Structures are given as structure tokens and as C-alpha cells.
Amino acid sequence: MDVPMLDSEEGEIASKLLSEGFQEAKKLRKPPRFSKLLSYYKDVTGFEETNPNAIMHHFIDMYGPDCENCGKPYRTETATFCPKCGNKRKL
């Protein structure tokens, strides 16, 4: 599934909102809802994510460059195999 990615600045804001969600839940003694984080992600990307943990995996800085064949990002900077299309990357 294609999901919108956050750049480094947006990722810092998302991380802060995740932390605030945990702090708020601790104070209220309720399970965390992370409504601020989910709302922020929707405002920035237009995508309505329901799982706050998933958002924390949508940082473009976590991945490598785009595949030359299909355009999806490699899983790491040093990855030589694209899991989407099977392209073999030459470093």
C-alpha cells in the first residue's frame, strides 16, 4: 500500500506529538488516543491513518534512495535488492 511519507522536520513534530500522547495518557490514567498525532498526519498528508505506530515508520529519512526500476524506496541506504520489483541495485 502506498502511504505518504514525512520529511525530517515533519517527523520531529510527529515524534513530539507521540510523546505528548503518552504523557497525556499517563496523567489521565487512560489508554493513549494520540488524536493530536493522527490529526497532524492527516493535515500534512491528507491520508487518514488510524494507527499511530504506523506513522512512526513513515519517515522518508529511514529509507534509502528510490529504486531505478519502480520508484519505490529501497529499505536502507545500502540495500541492493528492491523488495517491490526485484531490481538488483549496483552500488
PDB file of N, CA and C in Angstrom:
ATOM      1  N   MET A   1       0.844  -1.170   0.000  1.00  0.00           N
ATOM      2  CA  MET A   1       0.000   0.000   0.000  1.00  0.00           C
ATOM      3  C   MET A   1       0.891   1.236   0.000  1.00  0.00           C
ATOM      4  N   ASP A   2       0.541   2.195  -0.799  1.00  0.00           N
ATOM      5  CA  ASP A   2       1.273   3.457  -0.824  1.00  0.00           C
ATOM      6  C   ASP A   2       0.787   4.339   0.314  1.00  0.00           C
ATOM      7  N   VAL A   3       1.732   4.869   1.079  1.00  0.00           N
ATOM      8  CA  VAL A   3       1.392   5.781   2.170  1.00  0.00           C
ATOM      9  C   VAL A   3       2.289   7.014   2.072  1.00  0.00           C
ATOM     10  N   PRO A   4       1.759   8.174   2.416  1.00  0.00           N
ATOM     11  CA  PRO A   4       2.575   9.389   2.375  1.00  0.00           C
ATOM     12  C   PRO A   4       3.677   9.351   3.435  1.00  0.00           C
ATOM     13  N   MET A   5       4.840   9.849   3.058  1.00  0.00           N
ATOM     14  CA  MET A   5       5.983   9.872   3.956  1.00  0.00           C
ATOM     15  C   MET A   5       6.182  11.281   4.513  1.00  0.00           C
ATOM     16  N   LEU A   6       6.792  11.342   5.693  1.00  0.00           N
ATOM     17  CA  LEU A   6       7.101  12.613   6.340  1.00  0.00           C
ATOM     18  C   LEU A   6       8.578  12.932   6.167  1.00  0.00           C
ATOM     19  N   ASP A   7       8.899  14.200   5.941  1.00  0.00           N
ATOM     20  CA  ASP A   7      10.307  14.591   5.876  1.00  0.00           C
ATOM     21  C   ASP A   7      10.843  14.720   7.304  1.00  0.00           C
ATOM     22  N   SER A   8      12.096  15.095   7.438  1.00  0.00           N
ATOM     23  CA  SER A   8      12.719  15.113   8.769  1.00  0.00           C
ATOM     24  C   SER A   8      12.061  16.119   9.709  1.00  0.00           C
ATOM     25  N   GLU A   9      11.696  17.290   9.210  1.00  0.00           N
ATOM     26  CA  GLU A   9      11.047  18.295  10.060  1.00  0.00           C
ATOM     27  C   GLU A   9       9.665  17.811  10.515  1.00  0.00           C
ATOM     28  N   GLU A  10       8.901  17.273   9.601  1.00  0.00           N
ATOM     29  CA  GLU A  10       7.573  16.742   9.941  1.00  0.00           C
ATOM     30  C   GLU A  10       7.695  15.553  10.887  1.00  0.00           C
ATOM     31  N   GLY A  11       8.728  14.750  10.700  1.00  0.00           N
ATOM     32  CA  GLY A  11       8.963  13.598  11.567  1.00  0.00           C
ATOM     33  C   GLY A  11       9.274  14.008  12.997  1.00  0.00           C
ATOM     34  N   GLU A  12      10.012  15.099  13.162  1.00  0.00           N
ATOM     35  CA  GLU A  12      10.305  15.600  14.511  1.00  0.00           C
ATOM     36  C   GLU A  12       9.025  16.028  15.216  1.00  0.00           C
ATOM     37  N   ILE A  13       8.151  16.700  14.488  1.00  0.00           N
ATOM     38  CA  ILE A  13       6.877  17.131  15.067  1.00  0.00           C
ATOM     39  C   ILE A  13       6.032  15.915  15.434  1.00  0.00           C
ATOM     40  N   ALA A  14       5.990  14.916  14.549  1.00  0.00           N
ATOM     41  CA  ALA A  14       5.219  13.702  14.817  1.00  0.00           C
ATOM     42  C   ALA A  14       5.757  12.977  16.051  1.00  0.00           C
ATOM     43  N   SER A  15       7.067  12.896  16.185  1.00  0.00           N
ATOM     44  CA  SER A  15       7.667  12.237  17.353  1.00  0.00           C
ATOM     45  C   SER A  15       7.297  12.968  18.644  1.00  0.00           C
ATOM     46  N   LYS A  16       7.306  14.293  18.583  1.00  0.00           N
ATOM     47  CA  LYS A  16       6.931  15.082  19.752  1.00  0.00           C
ATOM     48  C   LYS A  16       5.465  14.830  20.123  1.00  0.00           C
ATOM     49  N   LEU A  17       4.597  14.782  19.124  1.00  0.00           N
ATOM     50  CA  LEU A  17       3.178  14.536  19.381  1.00  0.00           C
ATOM     51  C   LEU A  17       2.934  13.129  19.932  1.00  0.00           C
ATOM     52  N   LEU A  18       3.719  12.157  19.497  1.00  0.00           N
ATOM     53  CA  LEU A  18       3.614  10.804  20.047  1.00  0.00           C
ATOM     54  C   LEU A  18       3.971  10.818  21.529  1.00  0.00           C
ATOM     55  N   SER A  19       5.055  11.493  21.868  1.00  0.00           N
ATOM     56  CA  SER A  19       5.483  11.604  23.256  1.00  0.00           C
ATOM     57  C   SER A  19       4.429  12.314  24.104  1.00  0.00           C
ATOM     58  N   GLU A  20       3.866  13.389  23.564  1.00  0.00           N
ATOM     59  CA  GLU A  20       2.814  14.108  24.287  1.00  0.00           C
ATOM     60  C   GLU A  20       1.603  13.206  24.527  1.00  0.00           C
ATOM     61  N   GLY A  21       1.283  12.352  23.560  1.00  0.00           N
ATOM     62  CA  GLY A  21       0.163  11.423  23.719  1.00  0.00           C
ATOM     63  C   GLY A  21       0.384  10.473  24.880  1.00  0.00           C
ATOM     64  N   PHE A  22       1.610   9.971  25.027  1.00  0.00           N
ATOM     65  CA  PHE A  22       1.932   9.089  26.157  1.00  0.00           C
ATOM     66  C   PHE A  22       1.841   9.843  27.477  1.00  0.00           C
ATOM     67  N   GLN A  23       2.354  11.071  27.509  1.00  0.00           N
ATOM     68  CA  GLN A  23       2.318  11.878  28.732  1.00  0.00           C
ATOM     69  C   GLN A  23       0.878  12.192  29.141  1.00  0.00           C
ATOM     70  N   GLU A  24       0.067  12.536  28.176  1.00  0.00           N
ATOM     71  CA  GLU A  24      -1.340  12.844  28.437  1.00  0.00           C
ATOM     72  C   GLU A  24      -2.065  11.618  28.996  1.00  0.00           C
ATOM     73  N   ALA A  25      -1.804  10.473  28.415  1.00  0.00           N
ATOM     74  CA  ALA A  25      -2.440   9.237  28.879  1.00  0.00           C
ATOM     75  C   ALA A  25      -2.007   8.907  30.305  1.00  0.00           C
ATOM     76  N   LYS A  26      -0.748   9.149  30.600  1.00  0.00           N
ATOM     77  CA  LYS A  26      -0.230   8.887  31.945  1.00  0.00           C
ATOM     78  C   LYS A  26      -0.926   9.767  32.982  1.00  0.00           C
ATOM     79  N   LYS A  27      -1.103  11.049  32.641  1.00  0.00           N
ATOM     80  CA  LYS A  27      -1.769  11.978  33.553  1.00  0.00           C
ATOM     81  C   LYS A  27      -3.233  11.610  33.766  1.00  0.00           C
ATOM     82  N   LEU A  28      -3.907  11.247  32.703  1.00  0.00           N
ATOM     83  CA  LEU A  28      -5.341  10.948  32.782  1.00  0.00           C
ATOM     84  C   LEU A  28      -5.639   9.504  33.186  1.00  0.00           C
ATOM     85  N   ARG A  29      -4.584   8.704  33.225  1.00  0.00           N
ATOM     86  CA  ARG A  29      -4.715   7.274  33.555  1.00  0.00           C
ATOM     87  C   ARG A  29      -5.708   6.575  32.629  1.00  0.00           C
ATOM     88  N   LYS A  30      -5.571   6.883  31.354  1.00  0.00           N
ATOM     89  CA  LYS A  30      -6.396   6.273  30.318  1.00  0.00           C
ATOM     90  C   LYS A  30      -5.469   5.794  29.204  1.00  0.00           C
ATOM     91  N   PRO A  31      -5.957   4.868  28.398  1.00  0.00           N
ATOM     92  CA  PRO A  31      -5.132   4.448  27.251  1.00  0.00           C
ATOM     93  C   PRO A  31      -4.876   5.626  26.317  1.00  0.00           C
ATOM     94  N   PRO A  32      -3.679   5.720  25.758  1.00  0.00           N
ATOM     95  CA  PRO A  32      -3.378   6.833  24.864  1.00  0.00           C
ATOM     96  C   PRO A  32      -4.233   6.796  23.602  1.00  0.00           C
ATOM     97  N   ARG A  33      -4.686   7.966  23.172  1.00  0.00           N
ATOM     98  CA  ARG A  33      -5.521   8.074  21.970  1.00  0.00           C
ATOM     99  C   ARG A  33      -4.739   8.656  20.787  1.00  0.00           C
ATOM    100  N   PHE A  34      -3.720   9.462  21.071  1.00  0.00           N
ATOM    101  CA  PHE A  34      -2.858  10.053  20.048  1.00  0.00           C
ATOM    102  C   PHE A  34      -3.640  10.851  19.010  1.00  0.00           C
ATOM    103  N   SER A  35      -4.716  11.490  19.419  1.00  0.00           N
ATOM    104  CA  SER A  35      -5.549  12.235  18.475  1.00  0.00           C
ATOM    105  C   SER A  35      -4.788  13.399  17.828  1.00  0.00           C
ATOM    106  N   LYS A  36      -3.891  14.046  18.577  1.00  0.00           N
ATOM    107  CA  LYS A  36      -3.123  15.159  18.002  1.00  0.00           C
ATOM    108  C   LYS A  36      -2.194  14.655  16.892  1.00  0.00           C
ATOM    109  N   LEU A  37      -1.544  13.520  17.134  1.00  0.00           N
ATOM    110  CA  LEU A  37      -0.642  12.938  16.140  1.00  0.00           C
ATOM    111  C   LEU A  37      -1.420  12.516  14.896  1.00  0.00           C
ATOM    112  N   LEU A  38      -2.521  11.828  15.082  1.00  0.00           N
ATOM    113  CA  LEU A  38      -3.315  11.359  13.946  1.00  0.00           C
ATOM    114  C   LEU A  38      -3.867  12.536  13.142  1.00  0.00           C
ATOM    115  N   SER A  39      -4.300  13.573  13.840  1.00  0.00           N
ATOM    116  CA  SER A  39      -4.820  14.768  13.179  1.00  0.00           C
ATOM    117  C   SER A  39      -3.710  15.490  12.410  1.00  0.00           C
ATOM    118  N   TYR A  40      -2.535  15.598  13.024  1.00  0.00           N
ATOM    119  CA  TYR A  40      -1.396  16.245  12.371  1.00  0.00           C
ATOM    120  C   TYR A  40      -1.035  15.511  11.080  1.00  0.00           C
ATOM    121  N   TYR A  41      -0.945  14.190  11.143  1.00  0.00           N
ATOM    122  CA  TYR A  41      -0.577  13.404   9.967  1.00  0.00           C
ATOM    123  C   TYR A  41      -1.599  13.597   8.843  1.00  0.00           C
ATOM    124  N   LYS A  42      -2.877  13.628   9.201  1.00  0.00           N
ATOM    125  CA  LYS A  42      -3.909  13.829   8.185  1.00  0.00           C
ATOM    126  C   LYS A  42      -3.811  15.231   7.585  1.00  0.00           C
ATOM    127  N   ASP A  43      -3.554  16.239   8.421  1.00  0.00           N
ATOM    128  CA  ASP A  43      -3.427  17.616   7.926  1.00  0.00           C
ATOM    129  C   ASP A  43      -2.249  17.761   6.965  1.00  0.00           C
ATOM    130  N   VAL A  44      -1.146  17.102   7.281  1.00  0.00           N
ATOM    131  CA  VAL A  44       0.067  17.230   6.471  1.00  0.00           C
ATOM    132  C   VAL A  44      -0.033  16.425   5.175  1.00  0.00           C
ATOM    133  N   THR A  45      -0.571  15.206   5.268  1.00  0.00           N
ATOM    134  CA  THR A  45      -0.534  14.293   4.126  1.00  0.00           C
ATOM    135  C   THR A  45      -1.868  14.119   3.412  1.00  0.00           C
ATOM    136  N   GLY A  46      -2.971  14.395   4.105  1.00  0.00           N
ATOM    137  CA  GLY A  46      -4.284  14.127   3.535  1.00  0.00           C
ATOM    138  C   GLY A  46      -4.714  12.681   3.680  1.00  0.00           C
ATOM    139  N   PHE A  47      -3.864  11.852   4.293  1.00  0.00           N
ATOM    140  CA  PHE A  47      -4.128  10.424   4.485  1.00  0.00           C
ATOM    141  C   PHE A  47      -4.602  10.196   5.908  1.00  0.00           C
ATOM    142  N   GLU A  48      -5.720   9.513   6.076  1.00  0.00           N
ATOM    143  CA  GLU A  48      -6.266   9.282   7.408  1.00  0.00           C
ATOM    144  C   GLU A  48      -5.747   7.953   7.969  1.00  0.00           C
ATOM    145  N   GLU A  49      -4.635   8.035   8.674  1.00  0.00           N
ATOM    146  CA  GLU A  49      -4.039   6.867   9.340  1.00  0.00           C
ATOM    147  C   GLU A  49      -4.730   6.688  10.682  1.00  0.00           C
ATOM    148  N   THR A  50      -4.982   5.441  11.066  1.00  0.00           N
ATOM    149  CA  THR A  50      -5.632   5.167  12.346  1.00  0.00           C
ATOM    150  C   THR A  50      -4.681   4.561  13.364  1.00  0.00           C
ATOM    151  N   ASN A  51      -3.493   4.173  12.923  1.00  0.00           N
ATOM    152  CA  ASN A  51      -2.522   3.530  13.799  1.00  0.00           C
ATOM    153  C   ASN A  51      -1.329   4.462  14.021  1.00  0.00           C
ATOM    154  N   PRO A  52      -1.203   5.042  15.226  1.00  0.00           N
ATOM    155  CA  PRO A  52      -0.092   5.971  15.465  1.00  0.00           C
ATOM    156  C   PRO A  52       1.273   5.313  15.308  1.00  0.00           C
ATOM    157  N   ASN A  53       1.386   4.033  15.604  1.00  0.00           N
ATOM    158  CA  ASN A  53       2.672   3.352  15.442  1.00  0.00           C
ATOM    159  C   ASN A  53       3.085   3.283  13.975  1.00  0.00           C
ATOM    160  N   ALA A  54       2.120   3.162  13.093  1.00  0.00           N
ATOM    161  CA  ALA A  54       2.433   3.111  11.665  1.00  0.00           C
ATOM    162  C   ALA A  54       3.042   4.428  11.200  1.00  0.00           C
ATOM    163  N   ILE A  55       2.547   5.531  11.729  1.00  0.00           N
ATOM    164  CA  ILE A  55       3.070   6.839  11.337  1.00  0.00           C
ATOM    165  C   ILE A  55       4.559   6.928  11.643  1.00  0.00           C
ATOM    166  N   MET A  56       4.988   6.318  12.713  1.00  0.00           N
ATOM    167  CA  MET A  56       6.388   6.401  13.106  1.00  0.00           C
ATOM    168  C   MET A  56       7.304   5.617  12.157  1.00  0.00           C
ATOM    169  N   HIS A  57       6.734   4.877  11.222  1.00  0.00           N
ATOM    170  CA  HIS A  57       7.508   4.167  10.197  1.00  0.00           C
ATOM    171  C   HIS A  57       7.410   4.866   8.847  1.00  0.00           C
ATOM    172  N   HIS A  58       6.779   6.036   8.813  1.00  0.00           N
ATOM    173  CA  HIS A  58       6.580   6.761   7.569  1.00  0.00           C
ATOM    174  C   HIS A  58       7.502   7.969   7.460  1.00  0.00           C
ATOM    175  N   PHE A  59       8.736   7.824   7.921  1.00  0.00           N
ATOM    176  CA  PHE A  59       9.728   8.892   7.810  1.00  0.00           C
ATOM    177  C   PHE A  59      10.653   8.565   6.637  1.00  0.00           C
ATOM    178  N   ILE A  60      10.701   9.440   5.658  1.00  0.00           N
ATOM    179  CA  ILE A  60      11.482   9.183   4.449  1.00  0.00           C
ATOM    180  C   ILE A  60      12.969   8.994   4.762  1.00  0.00           C
ATOM    181  N   ASP A  61      13.461   9.630   5.836  1.00  0.00           N
ATOM    182  CA  ASP A  61      14.875   9.512   6.202  1.00  0.00           C
ATOM    183  C   ASP A  61      15.257   8.106   6.648  1.00  0.00           C
ATOM    184  N   MET A  62      14.273   7.274   6.952  1.00  0.00           N
ATOM    185  CA  MET A  62      14.546   5.905   7.404  1.00  0.00           C
ATOM    186  C   MET A  62      14.918   4.976   6.245  1.00  0.00           C
ATOM    187  N   TYR A  63      14.644   5.407   5.026  1.00  0.00           N
ATOM    188  CA  TYR A  63      14.787   4.535   3.865  1.00  0.00           C
ATOM    189  C   TYR A  63      15.895   5.014   2.947  1.00  0.00           C
ATOM    190  N   GLY A  64      16.224   4.177   1.991  1.00  0.00           N
ATOM    191  CA  GLY A  64      17.253   4.508   1.018  1.00  0.00           C
ATOM    192  C   GLY A  64      16.678   5.267  -0.163  1.00  0.00           C
ATOM    193  N   PRO A  65      17.478   5.389  -1.229  1.00  0.00           N
ATOM    194  CA  PRO A  65      17.014   6.101  -2.422  1.00  0.00           C
ATOM    195  C   PRO A  65      15.915   5.311  -3.142  1.00  0.00           C
ATOM    196  N   ASP A  66      15.268   5.970  -4.075  1.00  0.00           N
ATOM    197  CA  ASP A  66      14.227   5.308  -4.860  1.00  0.00           C
ATOM    198  C   ASP A  66      14.845   4.296  -5.822  1.00  0.00           C
ATOM    199  N   CYS A  67      14.133   3.212  -6.036  1.00  0.00           N
ATOM    200  CA  CYS A  67      14.542   2.178  -6.985  1.00  0.00           C
ATOM    201  C   CYS A  67      14.554   2.768  -8.392  1.00  0.00           C
ATOM    202  N   GLU A  68      15.553   2.424  -9.157  1.00  0.00           N
ATOM    203  CA  GLU A  68      15.681   2.920 -10.525  1.00  0.00           C
ATOM    204  C   GLU A  68      14.610   2.329 -11.433  1.00  0.00           C
ATOM    205  N   ASN A  69      14.061   1.180 -11.058  1.00  0.00           N
ATOM    206  CA  ASN A  69      13.093   0.477 -11.901  1.00  0.00           C
ATOM    207  C   ASN A  69      11.644   0.851 -11.585  1.00  0.00           C
ATOM    208  N   CYS A  70      11.263   0.814 -10.302  1.00  0.00           N
ATOM    209  CA  CYS A  70       9.850   1.019  -9.949  1.00  0.00           C
ATOM    210  C   CYS A  70       9.575   2.311  -9.183  1.00  0.00           C
ATOM    211  N   GLY A  71      10.621   2.936  -8.656  1.00  0.00           N
ATOM    212  CA  GLY A  71      10.445   4.205  -7.955  1.00  0.00           C
ATOM    213  C   GLY A  71      10.147   4.092  -6.469  1.00  0.00           C
ATOM    214  N   LYS A  72       9.944   2.886  -5.959  1.00  0.00           N
ATOM    215  CA  LYS A  72       9.728   2.709  -4.521  1.00  0.00           C
ATOM    216  C   LYS A  72      11.072   2.822  -3.813  1.00  0.00           C
ATOM    217  N   PRO A  73      11.090   3.300  -2.565  1.00  0.00           N
ATOM    218  CA  PRO A  73      12.392   3.434  -1.881  1.00  0.00           C
ATOM    219  C   PRO A  73      12.962   2.074  -1.470  1.00  0.00           C
ATOM    220  N   TYR A  74      14.286   1.990  -1.561  1.00  0.00           N
ATOM    221  CA  TYR A  74      14.967   0.817  -1.007  1.00  0.00           C
ATOM    222  C   TYR A  74      14.811   0.853   0.504  1.00  0.00           C
ATOM    223  N   ARG A  75      14.898  -0.281   1.148  1.00  0.00           N
ATOM    224  CA  ARG A  75      14.653  -0.346   2.593  1.00  0.00           C
ATOM    225  C   ARG A  75      15.744   0.334   3.411  1.00  0.00           C
ATOM    226  N   THR A  76      16.959   0.372   2.882  1.00  0.00           N
ATOM    227  CA  THR A  76      18.072   1.045   3.572  1.00  0.00           C
ATOM    228  C   THR A  76      18.950   1.743   2.535  1.00  0.00           C
ATOM    229  N   GLU A  77      19.878   2.549   3.007  1.00  0.00           N
ATOM    230  CA  GLU A  77      20.824   3.227   2.115  1.00  0.00           C
ATOM    231  C   GLU A  77      21.702   2.243   1.353  1.00  0.00           C
ATOM    232  N   THR A  78      22.017   1.097   1.968  1.00  0.00           N
ATOM    233  CA  THR A  78      22.933   0.145   1.354  1.00  0.00           C
ATOM    234  C   THR A  78      22.240  -1.057   0.725  1.00  0.00           C
ATOM    235  N   ALA A  79      20.918  -1.064   0.701  1.00  0.00           N
ATOM    236  CA  ALA A  79      20.182  -2.194   0.125  1.00  0.00           C
ATOM    237  C   ALA A  79      20.529  -2.349  -1.353  1.00  0.00           C
ATOM    238  N   THR A  80      20.662  -3.593  -1.795  1.00  0.00           N
ATOM    239  CA  THR A  80      20.975  -3.866  -3.195  1.00  0.00           C
ATOM    240  C   THR A  80      19.831  -4.581  -3.906  1.00  0.00           C
ATOM    241  N   PHE A  81      18.728  -4.824  -3.193  1.00  0.00           N
ATOM    242  CA  PHE A  81      17.587  -5.550  -3.757  1.00  0.00           C
ATOM    243  C   PHE A  81      16.299  -4.794  -3.434  1.00  0.00           C
ATOM    244  N   CYS A  82      15.482  -4.556  -4.440  1.00  0.00           N
ATOM    245  CA  CYS A  82      14.195  -3.889  -4.238  1.00  0.00           C
ATOM    246  C   CYS A  82      13.139  -4.945  -3.938  1.00  0.00           C
ATOM    247  N   PRO A  83      12.507  -4.894  -2.763  1.00  0.00           N
ATOM    248  CA  PRO A  83      11.504  -5.907  -2.420  1.00  0.00           C
ATOM    249  C   PRO A  83      10.224  -5.772  -3.241  1.00  0.00           C
ATOM    250  N   LYS A  84       9.988  -4.620  -3.838  1.00  0.00           N
ATOM    251  CA  LYS A  84       8.771  -4.397  -4.629  1.00  0.00           C
ATOM    252  C   LYS A  84       8.860  -5.053  -6.005  1.00  0.00           C
ATOM    253  N   CYS A  85       9.964  -4.800  -6.713  1.00  0.00           N
ATOM    254  CA  CYS A  85      10.053  -5.280  -8.101  1.00  0.00           C
ATOM    255  C   CYS A  85      11.187  -6.278  -8.345  1.00  0.00           C
ATOM    256  N   GLY A  86      12.072  -6.456  -7.357  1.00  0.00           N
ATOM    257  CA  GLY A  86      13.163  -7.407  -7.503  1.00  0.00           C
ATOM    258  C   GLY A  86      14.390  -6.845  -8.206  1.00  0.00           C
ATOM    259  N   ASN A  87      14.405  -5.568  -8.493  1.00  0.00           N
ATOM    260  CA  ASN A  87      15.546  -4.948  -9.161  1.00  0.00           C
ATOM    261  C   ASN A  87      16.808  -5.114  -8.323  1.00  0.00           C
ATOM    262  N   LYS A  88      17.911  -5.427  -8.985  1.00  0.00           N
ATOM    263  CA  LYS A  88      19.205  -5.537  -8.324  1.00  0.00           C
ATOM    264  C   LYS A  88      19.959  -4.227  -8.539  1.00  0.00           C
ATOM    265  N   ARG A  89      20.249  -3.568  -7.435  1.00  0.00           N
ATOM    266  CA  ARG A  89      20.918  -2.265  -7.467  1.00  0.00           C
ATOM    267  C   ARG A  89      22.421  -2.449  -7.463  1.00  0.00           C
ATOM    268  N   LYS A  90      23.098  -1.633  -8.221  1.00  0.00           N
ATOM    269  CA  LYS A  90      24.570  -1.653  -8.235  1.00  0.00           C
ATOM    270  C   LYS A  90      25.041  -0.458  -7.423  1.00  0.00           C
ATOM    271  N   LEU A  91      25.835  -0.726  -6.407  1.00  0.00           N
ATOM    272  CA  LEU A  91      26.384   0.363  -5.576  1.00  0.00           C
ATOM    273  C   LEU A  91      27.685   0.882  -6.117  1.00  0.00           C
TER     274      LEU A  91
END
